[in-house]
Protein backbone atom coordinates (compact mmCIF):
# COMPACT_ATOMS: atom_id res chain seq x y z
CA MET A 1 54.50 54.35 76.43
CA SER A 2 56.61 51.39 75.32
CA GLU A 3 53.83 49.03 76.46
CA ILE A 4 51.43 50.79 74.12
CA LEU A 5 53.87 50.52 71.22
CA ALA A 6 54.45 46.85 72.01
CA ALA A 7 50.69 46.25 71.92
CA VAL A 8 50.41 48.07 68.60
CA ASP A 9 53.27 45.99 67.23
CA VAL A 10 51.56 42.75 68.31
CA LEU A 11 48.28 43.83 66.73
CA TYR A 12 50.05 44.80 63.51
CA LEU A 13 51.79 41.43 63.25
CA GLU A 14 48.59 39.55 64.06
CA GLY A 15 46.77 41.54 61.40
CA LEU A 16 49.40 40.54 58.87
CA ALA A 17 49.02 36.91 59.92
CA LEU A 18 45.25 37.11 59.40
CA LYS A 19 45.67 38.67 55.95
CA ARG A 20 48.28 36.04 55.06
CA GLU A 21 45.82 33.26 55.97
CA GLN A 22 43.08 34.96 53.94
CA LEU A 23 45.38 35.07 50.93
CA ARG A 24 46.19 31.37 51.41
CA ARG A 25 42.48 30.50 51.48
CA GLN A 26 41.86 32.57 48.35
CA ASN A 27 44.89 31.09 46.55
CA PRO A 28 45.25 27.48 47.77
CA GLY A 29 47.75 26.45 45.08
CA MET A 30 50.26 29.21 45.76
CA GLN A 31 53.59 28.68 47.47
CA ASP A 32 54.53 30.61 50.63
CA THR A 33 56.85 32.90 48.68
CA GLU A 34 54.02 33.82 46.29
CA ILE A 35 51.72 34.54 49.23
CA GLU A 36 54.38 36.84 50.71
CA VAL A 37 54.53 38.74 47.41
CA LEU A 38 50.75 39.17 47.47
CA LEU A 39 50.92 40.32 51.10
CA ALA A 40 53.61 42.89 50.28
CA GLN A 41 51.53 44.14 47.34
CA TRP A 42 48.48 44.43 49.58
CA ILE A 43 50.46 46.43 52.14
CA GLN A 44 51.85 48.78 49.51
CA ASP A 45 48.44 49.34 47.91
CA ARG A 46 46.98 51.19 50.84
CA PRO A 47 45.05 54.45 51.02
CA LEU A 48 47.03 57.63 50.65
CA ASP A 49 45.95 58.81 54.09
CA SER A 50 47.66 55.89 55.82
CA PRO A 51 50.85 57.37 57.28
CA GLY A 52 53.78 55.45 58.63
CA ARG A 53 56.42 53.01 57.55
CA ILE A 54 55.46 49.89 55.69
CA ARG A 55 56.74 46.69 57.24
CA VAL A 56 56.05 43.15 56.04
CA ARG A 57 57.26 41.31 59.16
């Protein structure tokens, strides 16, 4: 079971990395801290049927 959770964790973190890179491409002049704010906003603005804790890193 822990192997499954570890795989989910890896996929989650890789998904965040992909979204972070997308935000950088869309906002090339922004600093890393600004991108992290956008990423956190994107995570928090998710559908109401998405259960679970929200984690940025």
